Amino acid sequence: MTLTQTAEGEGLFDGRLWVAEADGAVAGFVALDDDEVTWLYVDPQRYRQGIGRALLRHAVAAAGPRVEVTVLDGNPAAQALYAGEGFTVTETRTGSLVGNETFTATGHIMHRDTATAPTGVAG
């Protein structure tokens, strides 16, 4: 399945979308629908350059006082990024997840309350 097919099927353009550019090319993007980060993608060649963190901080700044994200089990790098930005796991679900109804998955639902975010975390 291509990114285009996935984007259409999972509502990439349902909310607000921001794109990061580096050296004249797309380096990543983040999508926010209501107060949920629905997508955060960084080109694998751009990992560990702060792009994902910058995109996440931008989305959080545009969100309301409580932001949500679901991180698939088996993605410790993403979970660490969100935890480092003040998100905590509030629930874990296994089954059909919103946007991924065609297969069973385990997702960790994480929340960040901007009013109680740790000192030094942008938001």
PDB file of N, CA and C in Angstrom:
ATOM      1  N   MET A   1       0.849  -1.171   0.000  1.00  0.00           N
ATOM      2  CA  MET A   1       0.000   0.000   0.000  1.00  0.00           C
ATOM      3  C   MET A   1       0.900   1.241   0.000  1.00  0.00           C
ATOM      4  N   THR A   2       0.572   2.207  -0.826  1.00  0.00           N
ATOM      5  CA  THR A   2       1.378   3.421  -0.932  1.00  0.00           C
ATOM      6  C   THR A   2       0.943   4.440   0.116  1.00  0.00           C
ATOM      7  N   LEU A   3       1.780   5.444   0.325  1.00  0.00           N
ATOM      8  CA  LEU A   3       1.437   6.511   1.259  1.00  0.00           C
ATOM      9  C   LEU A   3       0.177   7.231   0.802  1.00  0.00           C
ATOM     10  N   THR A   4       0.024   7.417  -0.500  1.00  0.00           N
ATOM     11  CA  THR A   4      -1.168   8.086  -1.028  1.00  0.00           C
ATOM     12  C   THR A   4      -2.428   7.305  -0.677  1.00  0.00           C
ATOM     13  N   GLN A   5      -2.413   5.984  -0.878  1.00  0.00           N
ATOM     14  CA  GLN A   5      -3.571   5.155  -0.542  1.00  0.00           C
ATOM     15  C   GLN A   5      -3.839   5.194   0.956  1.00  0.00           C
ATOM     16  N   THR A   6      -2.789   5.094   1.745  1.00  0.00           N
ATOM     17  CA  THR A   6      -2.936   5.126   3.196  1.00  0.00           C
ATOM     18  C   THR A   6      -3.490   6.468   3.645  1.00  0.00           C
ATOM     19  N   ALA A   7      -2.980   7.551   3.072  1.00  0.00           N
ATOM     20  CA  ALA A   7      -3.438   8.895   3.438  1.00  0.00           C
ATOM     21  C   ALA A   7      -4.921   9.056   3.178  1.00  0.00           C
ATOM     22  N   GLU A   8      -5.391   8.565   2.050  1.00  0.00           N
ATOM     23  CA  GLU A   8      -6.809   8.675   1.720  1.00  0.00           C
ATOM     24  C   GLU A   8      -7.648   7.814   2.649  1.00  0.00           C
ATOM     25  N   GLY A   9      -7.204   6.591   2.911  1.00  0.00           N
ATOM     26  CA  GLY A   9      -7.961   5.668   3.743  1.00  0.00           C
ATOM     27  C   GLY A   9      -7.961   6.029   5.213  1.00  0.00           C
ATOM     28  N   GLU A  10      -6.928   6.710   5.665  1.00  0.00           N
ATOM     29  CA  GLU A  10      -6.804   7.019   7.085  1.00  0.00           C
ATOM     30  C   GLU A  10      -6.949   8.497   7.395  1.00  0.00           C
ATOM     31  N   GLY A  11      -7.410   9.287   6.452  1.00  0.00           N
ATOM     32  CA  GLY A  11      -7.771  10.669   6.717  1.00  0.00           C
ATOM     33  C   GLY A  11      -6.623  11.618   6.999  1.00  0.00           C
ATOM     34  N   LEU A  12      -5.526  11.492   6.291  1.00  0.00           N
ATOM     35  CA  LEU A  12      -4.393  12.390   6.496  1.00  0.00           C
ATOM     36  C   LEU A  12      -4.800  13.849   6.383  1.00  0.00           C
ATOM     37  N   PHE A  13      -5.697  14.146   5.465  1.00  0.00           N
ATOM     38  CA  PHE A  13      -6.066  15.535   5.207  1.00  0.00           C
ATOM     39  C   PHE A  13      -7.346  15.962   5.933  1.00  0.00           C
ATOM     40  N   ASP A  14      -7.785  15.183   6.925  1.00  0.00           N
ATOM     41  CA  ASP A  14      -9.000  15.525   7.659  1.00  0.00           C
ATOM     42  C   ASP A  14      -8.806  16.720   8.588  1.00  0.00           C
ATOM     43  N   GLY A  15      -7.611  16.930   9.065  1.00  0.00           N
ATOM     44  CA  GLY A  15      -7.336  18.029   9.991  1.00  0.00           C
ATOM     45  C   GLY A  15      -6.315  18.977   9.397  1.00  0.00           C
ATOM     46  N   ARG A  16      -5.488  19.522  10.275  1.00  0.00           N
ATOM     47  CA  ARG A  16      -4.426  20.429   9.832  1.00  0.00           C
ATOM     48  C   ARG A  16      -3.152  19.621   9.590  1.00  0.00           C
ATOM     49  N   LEU A  17      -2.377  20.056   8.616  1.00  0.00           N
ATOM     50  CA  LEU A  17      -1.168  19.334   8.218  1.00  0.00           C
ATOM     51  C   LEU A  17      -0.036  20.329   8.050  1.00  0.00           C
ATOM     52  N   TRP A  18       1.126  20.012   8.632  1.00  0.00           N
ATOM     53  CA  TRP A  18       2.314  20.838   8.473  1.00  0.00           C
ATOM     54  C   TRP A  18       3.437  19.969   7.916  1.00  0.00           C
ATOM     55  N   VAL A  19       4.246  20.563   7.063  1.00  0.00           N
ATOM     56  CA  VAL A  19       5.324  19.841   6.387  1.00  0.00           C
ATOM     57  C   VAL A  19       6.654  20.497   6.753  1.00  0.00           C
ATOM     58  N   ALA A  20       7.646  19.661   7.050  1.00  0.00           N
ATOM     59  CA  ALA A  20       9.008  20.147   7.286  1.00  0.00           C
ATOM     60  C   ALA A  20       9.815  19.925   6.018  1.00  0.00           C
ATOM     61  N   GLU A  21      10.611  20.907   5.684  1.00  0.00           N
ATOM     62  CA  GLU A  21      11.436  20.832   4.485  1.00  0.00           C
ATOM     63  C   GLU A  21      12.904  20.981   4.896  1.00  0.00           C
ATOM     64  N   ALA A  22      13.765  20.219   4.237  1.00  0.00           N
ATOM     65  CA  ALA A  22      15.208  20.325   4.461  1.00  0.00           C
ATOM     66  C   ALA A  22      15.896  20.159   3.117  1.00  0.00           C
ATOM     67  N   ASP A  23      16.789  21.054   2.805  1.00  0.00           N
ATOM     68  CA  ASP A  23      17.530  20.996   1.543  1.00  0.00           C
ATOM     69  C   ASP A  23      16.604  20.919   0.327  1.00  0.00           C
ATOM     70  N   GLY A  24      15.476  21.630   0.392  1.00  0.00           N
ATOM     71  CA  GLY A  24      14.555  21.693  -0.729  1.00  0.00           C
ATOM     72  C   GLY A  24      13.681  20.474  -0.923  1.00  0.00           C
ATOM     73  N   ALA A  25      13.677  19.559   0.047  1.00  0.00           N
ATOM     74  CA  ALA A  25      12.861  18.347  -0.070  1.00  0.00           C
ATOM     75  C   ALA A  25      12.026  18.165   1.202  1.00  0.00           C
ATOM     76  N   VAL A  26      10.921  17.435   1.069  1.00  0.00           N
ATOM     77  CA  VAL A  26      10.094  17.131   2.232  1.00  0.00           C
ATOM     78  C   VAL A  26      10.886  16.215   3.156  1.00  0.00           C
ATOM     79  N   ALA A  27      10.991  16.630   4.423  1.00  0.00           N
ATOM     80  CA  ALA A  27      11.721  15.850   5.418  1.00  0.00           C
ATOM     81  C   ALA A  27      10.765  15.133   6.366  1.00  0.00           C
ATOM     82  N   GLY A  28       9.532  15.613   6.457  1.00  0.00           N
ATOM     83  CA  GLY A  28       8.550  14.989   7.340  1.00  0.00           C
ATOM     84  C   GLY A  28       7.278  15.800   7.371  1.00  0.00           C
ATOM     85  N   PHE A  29       6.289  15.268   8.083  1.00  0.00           N
ATOM     86  CA  PHE A  29       5.029  15.995   8.235  1.00  0.00           C
ATOM     87  C   PHE A  29       4.324  15.537   9.496  1.00  0.00           C
ATOM     88  N   VAL A  30       3.428  16.379   9.974  1.00  0.00           N
ATOM     89  CA  VAL A  30       2.609  16.070  11.136  1.00  0.00           C
ATOM     90  C   VAL A  30       1.187  16.507  10.830  1.00  0.00           C
ATOM     91  N   ALA A  31       0.213  15.740  11.295  1.00  0.00           N
ATOM     92  CA  ALA A  31      -1.189  16.073  11.121  1.00  0.00           C
ATOM     93  C   ALA A  31      -1.872  16.102  12.486  1.00  0.00           C
ATOM     94  N   LEU A  32      -2.756  17.060  12.650  1.00  0.00           N
ATOM     95  CA  LEU A  32      -3.506  17.240  13.886  1.00  0.00           C
ATOM     96  C   LEU A  32      -4.975  17.343  13.528  1.00  0.00           C
ATOM     97  N   ASP A  33      -5.788  16.479  14.102  1.00  0.00           N
ATOM     98  CA  ASP A  33      -7.229  16.507  13.866  1.00  0.00           C
ATOM     99  C   ASP A  33      -7.903  16.617  15.223  1.00  0.00           C
ATOM    100  N   ASP A  34      -8.663  17.668  15.410  1.00  0.00           N
ATOM    101  CA  ASP A  34      -9.163  18.053  16.728  1.00  0.00           C
ATOM    102  C   ASP A  34      -7.922  18.207  17.605  1.00  0.00           C
ATOM    103  N   ASP A  35      -7.802  17.519  18.682  1.00  0.00           N
ATOM    104  CA  ASP A  35      -6.607  17.624  19.524  1.00  0.00           C
ATOM    105  C   ASP A  35      -5.856  16.297  19.554  1.00  0.00           C
ATOM    106  N   GLU A  36      -5.811  15.638  18.409  1.00  0.00           N
ATOM    107  CA  GLU A  36      -5.104  14.367  18.292  1.00  0.00           C
ATOM    108  C   GLU A  36      -4.052  14.459  17.189  1.00  0.00           C
ATOM    109  N   VAL A  37      -2.828  14.095  17.532  1.00  0.00           N
ATOM    110  CA  VAL A  37      -1.783  13.963  16.522  1.00  0.00           C
ATOM    111  C   VAL A  37      -2.083  12.650  15.800  1.00  0.00           C
ATOM    112  N   THR A  38      -2.555  12.758  14.571  1.00  0.00           N
ATOM    113  CA  THR A  38      -2.974  11.567  13.834  1.00  0.00           C
ATOM    114  C   THR A  38      -1.860  10.995  12.965  1.00  0.00           C
ATOM    115  N   TRP A  39      -0.897  11.818  12.625  1.00  0.00           N
ATOM    116  CA  TRP A  39       0.248  11.387  11.827  1.00  0.00           C
ATOM    117  C   TRP A  39       1.485  12.136  12.299  1.00  0.00           C
ATOM    118  N   LEU A  40       2.601  11.464  12.356  1.00  0.00           N
ATOM    119  CA  LEU A  40       3.906  12.101  12.500  1.00  0.00           C
ATOM    120  C   LEU A  40       4.876  11.213  11.737  1.00  0.00           C
ATOM    121  N   TYR A  41       5.395  11.731  10.641  1.00  0.00           N
ATOM    122  CA  TYR A  41       6.278  10.964   9.774  1.00  0.00           C
ATOM    123  C   TYR A  41       7.526  11.771   9.479  1.00  0.00           C
ATOM    124  N   VAL A  42       8.672  11.106   9.577  1.00  0.00           N
ATOM    125  CA  VAL A  42       9.951  11.711   9.209  1.00  0.00           C
ATOM    126  C   VAL A  42      10.642  10.759   8.243  1.00  0.00           C
ATOM    127  N   ASP A  43      11.188  11.307   7.172  1.00  0.00           N
ATOM    128  CA  ASP A  43      11.966  10.525   6.214  1.00  0.00           C
ATOM    129  C   ASP A  43      13.064   9.787   6.987  1.00  0.00           C
ATOM    130  N   PRO A  44      13.165   8.467   6.832  1.00  0.00           N
ATOM    131  CA  PRO A  44      14.177   7.713   7.579  1.00  0.00           C
ATOM    132  C   PRO A  44      15.601   8.247   7.406  1.00  0.00           C
ATOM    133  N   GLN A  45      15.901   8.876   6.291  1.00  0.00           N
ATOM    134  CA  GLN A  45      17.232   9.455   6.099  1.00  0.00           C
ATOM    135  C   GLN A  45      17.427  10.709   6.946  1.00  0.00           C
ATOM    136  N   ARG A  46      16.354  11.197   7.551  1.00  0.00           N
ATOM    137  CA  ARG A  46      16.407  12.411   8.372  1.00  0.00           C
ATOM    138  C   ARG A  46      16.205  12.118   9.859  1.00  0.00           C
ATOM    139  N   TYR A  47      16.188  10.843  10.248  1.00  0.00           N
ATOM    140  CA  TYR A  47      16.021  10.496  11.661  1.00  0.00           C
ATOM    141  C   TYR A  47      17.130  11.125  12.495  1.00  0.00           C
ATOM    142  N   ARG A  48      16.804  11.410  13.746  1.00  0.00           N
ATOM    143  CA  ARG A  48      17.757  11.892  14.757  1.00  0.00           C
ATOM    144  C   ARG A  48      18.321  13.276  14.422  1.00  0.00           C
ATOM    145  N   GLN A  49      17.543  14.073  13.694  1.00  0.00           N
ATOM    146  CA  GLN A  49      17.969  15.434  13.360  1.00  0.00           C
ATOM    147  C   GLN A  49      17.066  16.488  13.999  1.00  0.00           C
ATOM    148  N   GLY A  50      16.123  16.061  14.841  1.00  0.00           N
ATOM    149  CA  GLY A  50      15.230  16.993  15.517  1.00  0.00           C
ATOM    150  C   GLY A  50      13.989  17.375  14.733  1.00  0.00           C
ATOM    151  N   ILE A  51      13.816  16.788  13.561  1.00  0.00           N
ATOM    152  CA  ILE A  51      12.672  17.142  12.711  1.00  0.00           C
ATOM    153  C   ILE A  51      11.359  16.677  13.328  1.00  0.00           C
ATOM    154  N   GLY A  52      11.314  15.446  13.788  1.00  0.00           N
ATOM    155  CA  GLY A  52      10.096  14.926  14.412  1.00  0.00           C
ATOM    156  C   GLY A  52       9.716  15.712  15.652  1.00  0.00           C
ATOM    157  N   ARG A  53      10.706  16.033  16.465  1.00  0.00           N
ATOM    158  CA  ARG A  53      10.454  16.807  17.684  1.00  0.00           C
ATOM    159  C   ARG A  53       9.922  18.197  17.329  1.00  0.00           C
ATOM    160  N   ALA A  54      10.520  18.847  16.336  1.00  0.00           N
ATOM    161  CA  ALA A  54      10.065  20.185  15.927  1.00  0.00           C
ATOM    162  C   ALA A  54       8.636  20.129  15.397  1.00  0.00           C
ATOM    163  N   LEU A  55       8.330  19.129  14.578  1.00  0.00           N
ATOM    164  CA  LEU A  55       6.968  18.979  14.059  1.00  0.00           C
ATOM    165  C   LEU A  55       5.977  18.728  15.183  1.00  0.00           C
ATOM    166  N   LEU A  56       6.336  17.848  16.110  1.00  0.00           N
ATOM    167  CA  LEU A  56       5.453  17.543  17.235  1.00  0.00           C
ATOM    168  C   LEU A  56       5.204  18.793  18.066  1.00  0.00           C
ATOM    169  N   ARG A  57       6.228  19.540  18.360  1.00  0.00           N
ATOM    170  CA  ARG A  57       6.067  20.762  19.148  1.00  0.00           C
ATOM    171  C   ARG A  57       5.171  21.767  18.435  1.00  0.00           C
ATOM    172  N   HIS A  58       5.287  21.849  17.132  1.00  0.00           N
ATOM    173  CA  HIS A  58       4.438  22.761  16.361  1.00  0.00           C
ATOM    174  C   HIS A  58       2.966  22.342  16.476  1.00  0.00           C
ATOM    175  N   ALA A  59       2.705  21.044  16.329  1.00  0.00           N
ATOM    176  CA  ALA A  59       1.330  20.550  16.420  1.00  0.00           C
ATOM    177  C   ALA A  59       0.771  20.757  17.825  1.00  0.00           C
ATOM    178  N   VAL A  60       1.567  20.468  18.842  1.00  0.00           N
ATOM    179  CA  VAL A  60       1.114  20.634  20.221  1.00  0.00           C
ATOM    180  C   VAL A  60       0.778  22.103  20.497  1.00  0.00           C
ATOM    181  N   ALA A  61       1.575  23.007  19.963  1.00  0.00           N
ATOM    182  CA  ALA A  61       1.322  24.438  20.161  1.00  0.00           C
ATOM    183  C   ALA A  61      -0.003  24.865  19.533  1.00  0.00           C
ATOM    184  N   ALA A  62      -0.431  24.167  18.489  1.00  0.00           N
ATOM    185  CA  ALA A  62      -1.680  24.505  17.803  1.00  0.00           C
ATOM    186  C   ALA A  62      -2.890  23.792  18.400  1.00  0.00           C
ATOM    187  N   ALA A  63      -2.647  22.843  19.291  1.00  0.00           N
ATOM    188  CA  ALA A  63      -3.723  22.040  19.872  1.00  0.00           C
ATOM    189  C   ALA A  63      -4.296  22.714  21.115  1.00  0.00           C
ATOM    190  N   GLY A  64      -5.319  22.087  21.636  1.00  0.00           N
ATOM    191  CA  GLY A  64      -5.937  22.566  22.866  1.00  0.00           C
ATOM    192  C   GLY A  64      -5.136  22.139  24.085  1.00  0.00           C
ATOM    193  N   PRO A  65      -5.759  22.201  25.261  1.00  0.00           N
ATOM    194  CA  PRO A  65      -5.030  21.927  26.494  1.00  0.00           C
ATOM    195  C   PRO A  65      -4.678  20.457  26.718  1.00  0.00           C
ATOM    196  N   ARG A  66      -5.332  19.543  25.995  1.00  0.00           N
ATOM    197  CA  ARG A  66      -5.026  18.116  26.142  1.00  0.00           C
ATOM    198  C   ARG A  66      -4.857  17.516  24.757  1.00  0.00           C
ATOM    199  N   VAL A  67      -3.686  16.957  24.508  1.00  0.00           N
ATOM    200  CA  VAL A  67      -3.348  16.404  23.201  1.00  0.00           C
ATOM    201  C   VAL A  67      -3.225  14.893  23.337  1.00  0.00           C
ATOM    202  N   GLU A  68      -3.684  14.165  22.308  1.00  0.00           N
ATOM    203  CA  GLU A  68      -3.660  12.706  22.310  1.00  0.00           C
ATOM    204  C   GLU A  68      -2.898  12.192  21.102  1.00  0.00           C
ATOM    205  N   VAL A  69      -2.279  11.033  21.258  1.00  0.00           N
ATOM    206  CA  VAL A  69      -1.641  10.317  20.158  1.00  0.00           C
ATOM    207  C   VAL A  69      -1.719   8.829  20.473  1.00  0.00           C
ATOM    208  N   THR A  70      -1.792   8.008  19.438  1.00  0.00           N
ATOM    209  CA  THR A  70      -1.714   6.565  19.607  1.00  0.00           C
ATOM    210  C   THR A  70      -0.431   6.086  18.963  1.00  0.00           C
ATOM    211  N   VAL A  71       0.385   5.387  19.730  1.00  0.00           N
ATOM    212  CA  VAL A  71       1.654   4.850  19.247  1.00  0.00           C
ATOM    213  C   VAL A  71       1.525   3.338  19.177  1.00  0.00           C
ATOM    214  N   LEU A  72       1.820   2.781  18.009  1.00  0.00           N
ATOM    215  CA  LEU A  72       1.742   1.330  17.872  1.00  0.00           C
ATOM    216  C   LEU A  72       2.802   0.649  18.721  1.00  0.00           C
ATOM    217  N   ASP A  73       2.415  -0.464  19.325  1.00  0.00           N
ATOM    218  CA  ASP A  73       3.349  -1.271  20.099  1.00  0.00           C
ATOM    219  C   ASP A  73       4.497  -1.694  19.185  1.00  0.00           C
ATOM    220  N   GLY A  74       5.697  -1.712  19.708  1.00  0.00           N
ATOM    221  CA  GLY A  74       6.842  -2.088  18.888  1.00  0.00           C
ATOM    222  C   GLY A  74       7.529  -0.894  18.258  1.00  0.00           C
ATOM    223  N   ASN A  75       7.158   0.325  18.667  1.00  0.00           N
ATOM    224  CA  ASN A  75       7.792   1.528  18.148  1.00  0.00           C
ATOM    225  C   ASN A  75       8.355   2.327  19.327  1.00  0.00           C
ATOM    226  N   PRO A  76       9.420   1.802  19.952  1.00  0.00           N
ATOM    227  CA  PRO A  76       9.951   2.464  21.147  1.00  0.00           C
ATOM    228  C   PRO A  76      10.524   3.857  20.867  1.00  0.00           C
ATOM    229  N   ALA A  77      11.030   4.097  19.666  1.00  0.00           N
ATOM    230  CA  ALA A  77      11.572   5.428  19.353  1.00  0.00           C
ATOM    231  C   ALA A  77      10.460   6.473  19.397  1.00  0.00           C
ATOM    232  N   ALA A  78       9.305   6.152  18.821  1.00  0.00           N
ATOM    233  CA  ALA A  78       8.181   7.101  18.845  1.00  0.00           C
ATOM    234  C   ALA A  78       7.684   7.287  20.270  1.00  0.00           C
ATOM    235  N   GLN A  79       7.566   6.201  21.007  1.00  0.00           N
ATOM    236  CA  GLN A  79       7.086   6.307  22.377  1.00  0.00           C
ATOM    237  C   GLN A  79       8.046   7.165  23.208  1.00  0.00           C
ATOM    238  N   ALA A  80       9.344   7.023  23.000  1.00  0.00           N
ATOM    239  CA  ALA A  80      10.326   7.828  23.726  1.00  0.00           C
ATOM    240  C   ALA A  80      10.232   9.301  23.328  1.00  0.00           C
ATOM    241  N   LEU A  81      10.007   9.583  22.050  1.00  0.00           N
ATOM    242  CA  LEU A  81       9.847  10.964  21.601  1.00  0.00           C
ATOM    243  C   LEU A  81       8.671  11.613  22.316  1.00  0.00           C
ATOM    244  N   TYR A  82       7.531  10.953  22.300  1.00  0.00           N
ATOM    245  CA  TYR A  82       6.343  11.519  22.936  1.00  0.00           C
ATOM    246  C   TYR A  82       6.538  11.652  24.443  1.00  0.00           C
ATOM    247  N   ALA A  83       7.116  10.647  25.080  1.00  0.00           N
ATOM    248  CA  ALA A  83       7.367  10.720  26.526  1.00  0.00           C
ATOM    249  C   ALA A  83       8.296  11.887  26.847  1.00  0.00           C
ATOM    250  N   GLY A  84       9.291  12.094  26.013  1.00  0.00           N
ATOM    251  CA  GLY A  84      10.217  13.203  26.208  1.00  0.00           C
ATOM    252  C   GLY A  84       9.562  14.565  26.058  1.00  0.00           C
ATOM    253  N   GLU A  85       8.415  14.596  25.412  1.00  0.00           N
ATOM    254  CA  GLU A  85       7.663  15.841  25.235  1.00  0.00           C
ATOM    255  C   GLU A  85       6.489  15.943  26.204  1.00  0.00           C
ATOM    256  N   GLY A  86       6.486  15.093  27.235  1.00  0.00           N
ATOM    257  CA  GLY A  86       5.490  15.215  28.285  1.00  0.00           C
ATOM    258  C   GLY A  86       4.250  14.356  28.140  1.00  0.00           C
ATOM    259  N   PHE A  87       4.209  13.471  27.146  1.00  0.00           N
ATOM    260  CA  PHE A  87       3.073  12.561  26.973  1.00  0.00           C
ATOM    261  C   PHE A  87       3.244  11.358  27.897  1.00  0.00           C
ATOM    262  N   THR A  88       2.134  10.851  28.409  1.00  0.00           N
ATOM    263  CA  THR A  88       2.153   9.629  29.207  1.00  0.00           C
ATOM    264  C   THR A  88       1.113   8.662  28.669  1.00  0.00           C
ATOM    265  N   VAL A  89       1.406   7.375  28.811  1.00  0.00           N
ATOM    266  CA  VAL A  89       0.464   6.338  28.368  1.00  0.00           C
ATOM    267  C   VAL A  89      -0.707   6.326  29.342  1.00  0.00           C
ATOM    268  N   THR A  90      -1.911   6.485  28.815  1.00  0.00           N
ATOM    269  CA  THR A  90      -3.110   6.473  29.644  1.00  0.00           C
ATOM    270  C   THR A  90      -3.961   5.238  29.408  1.00  0.00           C
ATOM    271  N   GLU A  91      -3.685   4.527  28.305  1.00  0.00           N
ATOM    272  CA  GLU A  91      -4.462   3.327  27.977  1.00  0.00           C
ATOM    273  C   GLU A  91      -3.723   2.548  26.903  1.00  0.00           C
ATOM    274  N   THR A  92      -3.885   1.235  26.923  1.00  0.00           N
ATOM    275  CA  THR A  92      -3.368   0.377  25.858  1.00  0.00           C
ATOM    276  C   THR A  92      -4.522  -0.460  25.339  1.00  0.00           C
ATOM    277  N   ARG A  93      -4.675  -0.483  24.014  1.00  0.00           N
ATOM    278  CA  ARG A  93      -5.760  -1.236  23.376  1.00  0.00           C
ATOM    279  C   ARG A  93      -5.196  -2.207  22.357  1.00  0.00           C
ATOM    280  N   THR A  94      -5.813  -3.365  22.266  1.00  0.00           N
ATOM    281  CA  THR A  94      -5.465  -4.334  21.232  1.00  0.00           C
ATOM    282  C   THR A  94      -6.740  -4.651  20.468  1.00  0.00           C
ATOM    283  N   GLY A  95      -6.636  -4.649  19.147  1.00  0.00           N
ATOM    284  CA  GLY A  95      -7.781  -4.910  18.289  1.00  0.00           C
ATOM    285  C   GLY A  95      -7.693  -4.030  17.068  1.00  0.00           C
ATOM    286  N   SER A  96      -8.840  -3.695  16.522  1.00  0.00           N
ATOM    287  CA  SER A  96      -8.882  -2.769  15.391  1.00  0.00           C
ATOM    288  C   SER A  96      -8.781  -1.355  15.937  1.00  0.00           C
ATOM    289  N   LEU A  97      -7.753  -0.655  15.525  1.00  0.00           N
ATOM    290  CA  LEU A  97      -7.570   0.717  15.971  1.00  0.00           C
ATOM    291  C   LEU A  97      -8.126   1.663  14.914  1.00  0.00           C
ATOM    292  N   VAL A  98      -8.573   2.832  15.330  1.00  0.00           N
ATOM    293  CA  VAL A  98      -9.121   3.815  14.401  1.00  0.00           C
ATOM    294  C   VAL A  98      -8.075   4.102  13.327  1.00  0.00           C
ATOM    295  N   GLY A  99      -8.483   3.984  12.081  1.00  0.00           N
ATOM    296  CA  GLY A  99      -7.578   4.209  10.960  1.00  0.00           C
ATOM    297  C   GLY A  99      -6.827   2.964  10.535  1.00  0.00           C
ATOM    298  N   ASN A 100      -6.882   1.922  11.347  1.00  0.00           N
ATOM    299  CA  ASN A 100      -6.202   0.663  11.035  1.00  0.00           C
ATOM    300  C   ASN A 100      -7.169  -0.504  11.211  1.00  0.00           C
ATOM    301  N   GLU A 101      -8.361  -0.380  10.694  1.00  0.00           N
ATOM    302  CA  GLU A 101      -9.396  -1.381  10.920  1.00  0.00           C
ATOM    303  C   GLU A 101      -9.152  -2.702  10.198  1.00  0.00           C
ATOM    304  N   THR A 102      -8.213  -2.733   9.256  1.00  0.00           N
ATOM    305  CA  THR A 102      -8.011  -3.944   8.461  1.00  0.00           C
ATOM    306  C   THR A 102      -7.120  -4.969   9.141  1.00  0.00           C
ATOM    307  N   PHE A 103      -6.471  -4.596  10.240  1.00  0.00           N
ATOM    308  CA  PHE A 103      -5.629  -5.564  10.937  1.00  0.00           C
ATOM    309  C   PHE A 103      -5.666  -5.292  12.434  1.00  0.00           C
ATOM    310  N   THR A 104      -5.337  -6.323  13.194  1.00  0.00           N
ATOM    311  CA  THR A 104      -5.295  -6.203  14.640  1.00  0.00           C
ATOM    312  C   THR A 104      -3.944  -5.624  15.049  1.00  0.00           C
ATOM    313  N   ALA A 105      -3.986  -4.687  15.967  1.00  0.00           N
ATOM    314  CA  ALA A 105      -2.754  -4.053  16.441  1.00  0.00           C
ATOM    315  C   ALA A 105      -2.923  -3.688  17.912  1.00  0.00           C
ATOM    316  N   THR A 106      -1.799  -3.426  18.553  1.00  0.00           N
ATOM    317  CA  THR A 106      -1.810  -2.915  19.917  1.00  0.00           C
ATOM    318  C   THR A 106      -1.312  -1.482  19.863  1.00  0.00           C
ATOM    319  N   GLY A 107      -2.097  -0.597  20.433  1.00  0.00           N
ATOM    320  CA  GLY A 107      -1.737   0.818  20.444  1.00  0.00           C
ATOM    321  C   GLY A 107      -1.723   1.368  21.854  1.00  0.00           C
ATOM    322  N   HIS A 108      -0.731   2.192  22.126  1.00  0.00           N
ATOM    323  CA  HIS A 108      -0.630   2.877  23.417  1.00  0.00           C
ATOM    324  C   HIS A 108      -1.173   4.289  23.226  1.00  0.00           C
ATOM    325  N   ILE A 109      -2.266   4.586  23.900  1.00  0.00           N
ATOM    326  CA  ILE A 109      -2.860   5.904  23.812  1.00  0.00           C
ATOM    327  C   ILE A 109      -2.125   6.777  24.829  1.00  0.00           C
ATOM    328  N   MET A 110      -1.551   7.862  24.317  1.00  0.00           N
ATOM    329  CA  MET A 110      -0.768   8.760  25.162  1.00  0.00           C
ATOM    330  C   MET A 110      -1.422  10.137  25.155  1.00  0.00           C
ATOM    331  N   HIS A 111      -1.357  10.812  26.298  1.00  0.00           N
ATOM    332  CA  HIS A 111      -1.918  12.155  26.433  1.00  0.00           C
ATOM    333  C   HIS A 111      -0.879  13.089  27.023  1.00  0.00           C
ATOM    334  N   ARG A 112      -1.055  14.350  26.685  1.00  0.00           N
ATOM    335  CA  ARG A 112      -0.246  15.410  27.282  1.00  0.00           C
ATOM    336  C   ARG A 112      -1.183  16.546  27.631  1.00  0.00           C
ATOM    337  N   ASP A 113      -1.182  16.911  28.897  1.00  0.00           N
ATOM    338  CA  ASP A 113      -1.936  18.072  29.356  1.00  0.00           C
ATOM    339  C   ASP A 113      -0.981  19.236  29.384  1.00  0.00           C
ATOM    340  N   THR A 114      -1.223  20.244  28.543  1.00  0.00           N
ATOM    341  CA  THR A 114      -0.282  21.348  28.443  1.00  0.00           C
ATOM    342  C   THR A 114      -0.159  22.115  29.746  1.00  0.00           C
ATOM    343  N   ALA A 115      -1.198  22.123  30.548  1.00  0.00           N
ATOM    344  CA  ALA A 115      -1.140  22.840  31.814  1.00  0.00           C
ATOM    345  C   ALA A 115      -0.192  22.159  32.802  1.00  0.00           C
ATOM    346  N   THR A 116       0.029  20.862  32.638  1.00  0.00           N
ATOM    347  CA  THR A 116       0.886  20.130  33.572  1.00  0.00           C
ATOM    348  C   THR A 116       2.132  19.578  32.896  1.00  0.00           C
ATOM    349  N   ALA A 117       2.457  20.088  31.698  1.00  0.00           N
ATOM    350  CA  ALA A 117       3.647  19.610  30.980  1.00  0.00           C
ATOM    351  C   ALA A 117       4.897  19.965  31.778  1.00  0.00           C
ATOM    352  N   PRO A 118       5.917  19.105  31.713  1.00  0.00           N
ATOM    353  CA  PRO A 118       7.141  19.365  32.466  1.00  0.00           C
ATOM    354  C   PRO A 118       7.840  20.644  32.027  1.00  0.00           C
ATOM    355  N   THR A 119       8.542  21.253  32.930  1.00  0.00           N
ATOM    356  CA  THR A 119       9.293  22.468  32.646  1.00  0.00           C
ATOM    357  C   THR A 119      10.299  22.189  31.542  1.00  0.00           C
ATOM    358  N   GLY A 120      10.421  23.131  30.616  1.00  0.00           N
ATOM    359  CA  GLY A 120      11.370  22.977  29.522  1.00  0.00           C
ATOM    360  C   GLY A 120      10.791  22.314  28.297  1.00  0.00           C
ATOM    361  N   VAL A 121       9.558  21.823  28.384  1.00  0.00           N
ATOM    362  CA  VAL A 121       8.907  21.202  27.237  1.00  0.00           C
ATOM    363  C   VAL A 121       8.087  22.267  26.548  1.00  0.00           C
ATOM    364  N   ALA A 122       8.354  22.468  25.269  1.00  0.00           N
ATOM    365  CA  ALA A 122       7.617  23.474  24.496  1.00  0.00           C
ATOM    366  C   ALA A 122       6.184  23.029  24.328  1.00  0.00           C
ATOM    367  N   GLY A 123       5.293  23.939  24.191  1.00  0.00           N
ATOM    368  CA  GLY A 123       3.936  23.525  23.949  1.00  0.00           C
ATOM    369  C   GLY A 123       3.023  24.643  23.989  1.00  0.00           C
TER     370      GLY A 123
END
